[in-house]
Amino acid sequence: MTDDGDRTGEVNWVAEYKGILLRVLDLRPSGMRQRLADALGANRSFVSQITNPSYPVPIPPRHVEIIFDVCRFPDADRRAFLEAYERAHPGRLQQTHPPSPHLRHITLYVPDLGDAARNAELDKILSDMAARVAALASGQPGDDEPKE
């Protein structure tokens, strides 16, 4: 029975630090969620999950510094986020984690294929390719690499 209470407490702390992140993102210019997704080597849906306080999906510790950098966290919000993160996940930030590649945002101009579905597919292909290149450059295997 105490397990449920502990999990509920953890979810509340997760919701607290996600709420701080969401507040900071809402103060930033349009396109910040996409820039964050690019920097994390993830899709925008991942950013939506890690910024929505109602989802219990935790933010991986290796992403925290990248989030601070990309979103330009004010000092007070950074401290509040770190305190809530530590309450939700005691000691996780102090553990060693494989380095997450620091990515930068670029803009590509590609042809308009004249169809929203085909354009979305092209965008996904390019995004996936960039994430795999980043994983290769960092020496870490990609999640969807074929297993031989």
C-alpha atoms as a PDB file:
ATOM      1  CA  MET A   1       0.000   0.000   0.000  1.00  0.00           C
ATOM      2  CA  THR A   2       2.875   2.376   0.706  1.00  0.00           C
ATOM      3  CA  ASP A   3       4.215   1.657  -2.763  1.00  0.00           C
ATOM      4  CA  ASP A   4       1.169   3.335  -4.292  1.00  0.00           C
ATOM      5  CA  GLY A   5       1.667   6.306  -2.039  1.00  0.00           C
ATOM      6  CA  ASP A   6       5.338   6.496  -2.965  1.00  0.00           C
ATOM      7  CA  ARG A   7       4.546   6.309  -6.675  1.00  0.00           C
ATOM      8  CA  THR A   8       1.885   8.957  -6.268  1.00  0.00           C
ATOM      9  CA  GLY A   9       4.422  11.171  -4.506  1.00  0.00           C
ATOM     10  CA  GLU A  10       6.931  10.587  -7.282  1.00  0.00           C
ATOM     11  CA  VAL A  11       4.364  11.415  -9.950  1.00  0.00           C
ATOM     12  CA  ASN A  12       3.561  14.651  -8.094  1.00  0.00           C
ATOM     13  CA  TRP A  13       7.238  15.649  -8.061  1.00  0.00           C
ATOM     14  CA  VAL A  14       7.550  14.691 -11.714  1.00  0.00           C
ATOM     15  CA  ALA A  15       4.531  16.874 -12.419  1.00  0.00           C
ATOM     16  CA  GLU A  16       6.157  19.715 -10.462  1.00  0.00           C
ATOM     17  CA  TYR A  17       9.397  19.774 -12.442  1.00  0.00           C
ATOM     18  CA  LYS A  18       7.511  19.282 -15.696  1.00  0.00           C
ATOM     19  CA  GLY A  19       5.309  22.234 -14.767  1.00  0.00           C
ATOM     20  CA  ILE A  20       8.419  24.370 -14.292  1.00  0.00           C
ATOM     21  CA  LEU A  21       9.755  23.284 -17.678  1.00  0.00           C
ATOM     22  CA  LEU A  22       6.385  23.985 -19.291  1.00  0.00           C
ATOM     23  CA  ARG A  23       6.256  27.463 -17.743  1.00  0.00           C
ATOM     24  CA  VAL A  24       9.751  28.258 -19.037  1.00  0.00           C
ATOM     25  CA  LEU A  25       8.899  26.948 -22.516  1.00  0.00           C
ATOM     26  CA  ASP A  26       5.720  29.026 -22.626  1.00  0.00           C
ATOM     27  CA  LEU A  27       7.836  32.149 -22.075  1.00  0.00           C
ATOM     28  CA  ARG A  28      10.106  31.319 -25.005  1.00  0.00           C
ATOM     29  CA  PRO A  29       9.538  32.170 -28.669  1.00  0.00           C
ATOM     30  CA  SER A  30       7.604  30.015 -31.075  1.00  0.00           C
ATOM     31  CA  GLY A  31       9.547  27.002 -32.321  1.00  0.00           C
ATOM     32  CA  MET A  32      11.314  26.325 -29.017  1.00  0.00           C
ATOM     33  CA  ARG A  33       9.747  22.860 -28.659  1.00  0.00           C
ATOM     34  CA  GLN A  34      11.090  21.885 -32.078  1.00  0.00           C
ATOM     35  CA  ARG A  35      14.544  23.247 -31.205  1.00  0.00           C
ATOM     36  CA  LEU A  36      14.443  21.264 -27.972  1.00  0.00           C
ATOM     37  CA  ALA A  37      13.424  18.108 -29.838  1.00  0.00           C
ATOM     38  CA  ASP A  38      16.280  18.639 -32.289  1.00  0.00           C
ATOM     39  CA  ALA A  39      18.806  19.204 -29.493  1.00  0.00           C
ATOM     40  CA  LEU A  40      17.653  16.045 -27.703  1.00  0.00           C
ATOM     41  CA  GLY A  41      17.689  14.025 -30.917  1.00  0.00           C
ATOM     42  CA  ALA A  42      14.016  13.237 -30.365  1.00  0.00           C
ATOM     43  CA  ASN A  43      10.633  13.842 -31.910  1.00  0.00           C
ATOM     44  CA  ARG A  44       8.303  16.638 -30.856  1.00  0.00           C
ATOM     45  CA  SER A  45       6.005  13.993 -29.373  1.00  0.00           C
ATOM     46  CA  PHE A  46       8.782  13.132 -26.882  1.00  0.00           C
ATOM     47  CA  VAL A  47       9.039  16.804 -25.932  1.00  0.00           C
ATOM     48  CA  SER A  48       5.258  16.858 -25.471  1.00  0.00           C
ATOM     49  CA  GLN A  49       5.502  13.862 -23.113  1.00  0.00           C
ATOM     50  CA  ILE A  50       8.326  15.287 -21.033  1.00  0.00           C
ATOM     51  CA  THR A  51       6.637  18.683 -20.719  1.00  0.00           C
ATOM     52  CA  ASN A  52       3.124  17.500 -19.905  1.00  0.00           C
ATOM     53  CA  PRO A  53       2.674  17.276 -16.118  1.00  0.00           C
ATOM     54  CA  SER A  54      -0.159  14.775 -16.510  1.00  0.00           C
ATOM     55  CA  TYR A  55       2.181  12.189 -18.110  1.00  0.00           C
ATOM     56  CA  PRO A  56       4.348  10.317 -15.594  1.00  0.00           C
ATOM     57  CA  VAL A  57       7.152   9.851 -18.183  1.00  0.00           C
ATOM     58  CA  PRO A  58      10.299  11.117 -16.416  1.00  0.00           C
ATOM     59  CA  ILE A  59      12.894  13.310 -18.072  1.00  0.00           C
ATOM     60  CA  PRO A  60      16.082  11.268 -18.525  1.00  0.00           C
ATOM     61  CA  PRO A  61      18.917  12.742 -16.427  1.00  0.00           C
ATOM     62  CA  ARG A  62      21.223  13.017 -19.442  1.00  0.00           C
ATOM     63  CA  HIS A  63      18.761  15.486 -21.011  1.00  0.00           C
ATOM     64  CA  VAL A  64      18.544  17.915 -18.093  1.00  0.00           C
ATOM     65  CA  GLU A  65      21.609  20.048 -18.949  1.00  0.00           C
ATOM     66  CA  ILE A  66      20.639  20.169 -22.621  1.00  0.00           C
ATOM     67  CA  ILE A  67      17.150  21.349 -21.628  1.00  0.00           C
ATOM     68  CA  PHE A  68      18.658  24.057 -19.411  1.00  0.00           C
ATOM     69  CA  ASP A  69      20.951  25.185 -22.211  1.00  0.00           C
ATOM     70  CA  VAL A  70      18.432  25.174 -25.057  1.00  0.00           C
ATOM     71  CA  CYS A  71      15.580  26.722 -23.043  1.00  0.00           C
ATOM     72  CA  ARG A  72      17.871  29.217 -21.278  1.00  0.00           C
ATOM     73  CA  PHE A  73      16.457  28.496 -17.844  1.00  0.00           C
ATOM     74  CA  PRO A  74      16.520  31.438 -15.453  1.00  0.00           C
ATOM     75  CA  ASP A  75      18.559  30.673 -12.309  1.00  0.00           C
ATOM     76  CA  ALA A  76      15.537  30.563  -9.971  1.00  0.00           C
ATOM     77  CA  ASP A  77      13.643  28.182 -12.277  1.00  0.00           C
ATOM     78  CA  ARG A  78      16.748  26.021 -12.671  1.00  0.00           C
ATOM     79  CA  ARG A  79      17.083  25.688  -8.886  1.00  0.00           C
ATOM     80  CA  ALA A  80      13.363  24.907  -8.458  1.00  0.00           C
ATOM     81  CA  PHE A  81      13.512  22.342 -11.281  1.00  0.00           C
ATOM     82  CA  LEU A  82      16.583  20.634  -9.805  1.00  0.00           C
ATOM     83  CA  GLU A  83      15.023  20.486  -6.325  1.00  0.00           C
ATOM     84  CA  ALA A  84      11.818  18.918  -7.669  1.00  0.00           C
ATOM     85  CA  TYR A  85      13.821  16.542  -9.906  1.00  0.00           C
ATOM     86  CA  GLU A  86      15.907  15.413  -6.934  1.00  0.00           C
ATOM     87  CA  ARG A  87      12.742  14.765  -4.874  1.00  0.00           C
ATOM     88  CA  ALA A  88      11.236  12.769  -7.737  1.00  0.00           C
ATOM     89  CA  HIS A  89      14.395  10.818  -8.547  1.00  0.00           C
ATOM     90  CA  PRO A  90      16.798  10.874  -5.581  1.00  0.00           C
ATOM     91  CA  GLY A  91      20.429  10.641  -6.653  1.00  0.00           C
ATOM     92  CA  ARG A  92      19.798  10.153 -10.375  1.00  0.00           C
ATOM     93  CA  LEU A  93      21.482  13.380 -11.418  1.00  0.00           C
ATOM     94  CA  GLN A  94      24.601  12.441  -9.451  1.00  0.00           C
ATOM     95  CA  GLN A  95      24.955   9.085 -11.222  1.00  0.00           C
ATOM     96  CA  THR A  96      27.200   8.933 -14.242  1.00  0.00           C
ATOM     97  CA  HIS A  97      25.319   8.793 -17.510  1.00  0.00           C
ATOM     98  CA  PRO A  98      26.620   8.259 -21.005  1.00  0.00           C
ATOM     99  CA  PRO A  99      27.138  11.672 -22.561  1.00  0.00           C
ATOM    100  CA  SER A 100      24.280  12.897 -24.646  1.00  0.00           C
ATOM    101  CA  PRO A 101      25.504  14.562 -27.808  1.00  0.00           C
ATOM    102  CA  HIS A 102      24.965  18.293 -27.765  1.00  0.00           C
ATOM    103  CA  LEU A 103      23.111  18.969 -30.959  1.00  0.00           C
ATOM    104  CA  ARG A 104      22.592  22.199 -32.787  1.00  0.00           C
ATOM    105  CA  HIS A 105      19.666  23.414 -34.805  1.00  0.00           C
ATOM    106  CA  ILE A 106      19.948  23.868 -38.559  1.00  0.00           C
ATOM    107  CA  THR A 107      17.426  24.680 -41.235  1.00  0.00           C
ATOM    108  CA  LEU A 108      17.193  22.645 -44.423  1.00  0.00           C
ATOM    109  CA  TYR A 109      15.389  23.722 -47.534  1.00  0.00           C
ATOM    110  CA  VAL A 110      13.858  20.743 -49.297  1.00  0.00           C
ATOM    111  CA  PRO A 111      11.426  20.500 -52.173  1.00  0.00           C
ATOM    112  CA  ASP A 112       7.711  20.697 -51.458  1.00  0.00           C
ATOM    113  CA  LEU A 113       6.406  17.352 -52.644  1.00  0.00           C
ATOM    114  CA  GLY A 114       2.915  18.743 -53.147  1.00  0.00           C
ATOM    115  CA  ASP A 115       1.298  16.388 -50.648  1.00  0.00           C
ATOM    116  CA  ALA A 116       1.120  16.845 -46.868  1.00  0.00           C
ATOM    117  CA  ALA A 117       1.607  13.131 -46.152  1.00  0.00           C
ATOM    118  CA  ARG A 118       4.652  12.875 -48.427  1.00  0.00           C
ATOM    119  CA  ASN A 119       6.116  16.086 -46.955  1.00  0.00           C
ATOM    120  CA  ALA A 120       5.644  14.684 -43.441  1.00  0.00           C
ATOM    121  CA  GLU A 121       7.341  11.439 -44.475  1.00  0.00           C
ATOM    122  CA  LEU A 122      10.294  13.369 -45.930  1.00  0.00           C
ATOM    123  CA  ASP A 123      10.561  15.407 -42.706  1.00  0.00           C
ATOM    124  CA  LYS A 124      10.550  12.212 -40.635  1.00  0.00           C
ATOM    125  CA  ILE A 125      13.193  10.568 -42.822  1.00  0.00           C
ATOM    126  CA  LEU A 126      15.508  13.573 -42.487  1.00  0.00           C
ATOM    127  CA  SER A 127      14.911  13.872 -38.740  1.00  0.00           C
ATOM    128  CA  ASP A 128      15.558  10.152 -38.199  1.00  0.00           C
ATOM    129  CA  MET A 129      18.687  10.309 -40.320  1.00  0.00           C
ATOM    130  CA  ALA A 130      20.030  13.278 -38.317  1.00  0.00           C
ATOM    131  CA  ALA A 131      19.334  11.445 -35.034  1.00  0.00           C
ATOM    132  CA  ARG A 132      21.170   8.364 -36.301  1.00  0.00           C
ATOM    133  CA  VAL A 133      24.144  10.446 -37.474  1.00  0.00           C
ATOM    134  CA  ALA A 134      24.302  12.052 -34.011  1.00  0.00           C
ATOM    135  CA  ALA A 135      24.169   8.618 -32.361  1.00  0.00           C
ATOM    136  CA  LEU A 136      26.910   7.359 -34.671  1.00  0.00           C
ATOM    137  CA  ALA A 137      29.073  10.417 -33.963  1.00  0.00           C
ATOM    138  CA  SER A 138      28.673   9.909 -30.209  1.00  0.00           C
ATOM    139  CA  GLY A 139      29.597   6.241 -30.487  1.00  0.00           C
ATOM    140  CA  GLN A 140      26.203   5.076 -29.214  1.00  0.00           C
ATOM    141  CA  PRO A 141      24.034   2.700 -31.228  1.00  0.00           C
ATOM    142  CA  GLY A 142      20.700   4.067 -32.433  1.00  0.00           C
ATOM    143  CA  ASP A 143      17.472   2.644 -30.998  1.00  0.00           C
ATOM    144  CA  ASP A 144      16.263   1.402 -34.351  1.00  0.00           C
ATOM    145  CA  GLU A 145      19.532   0.114 -35.795  1.00  0.00           C
ATOM    146  CA  PRO A 146      19.224  -3.353 -37.271  1.00  0.00           C
ATOM    147  CA  LYS A 147      20.623  -6.052 -35.034  1.00  0.00           C
ATOM    148  CA  GLU A 148      23.057  -8.341 -36.765  1.00  0.00           C
END
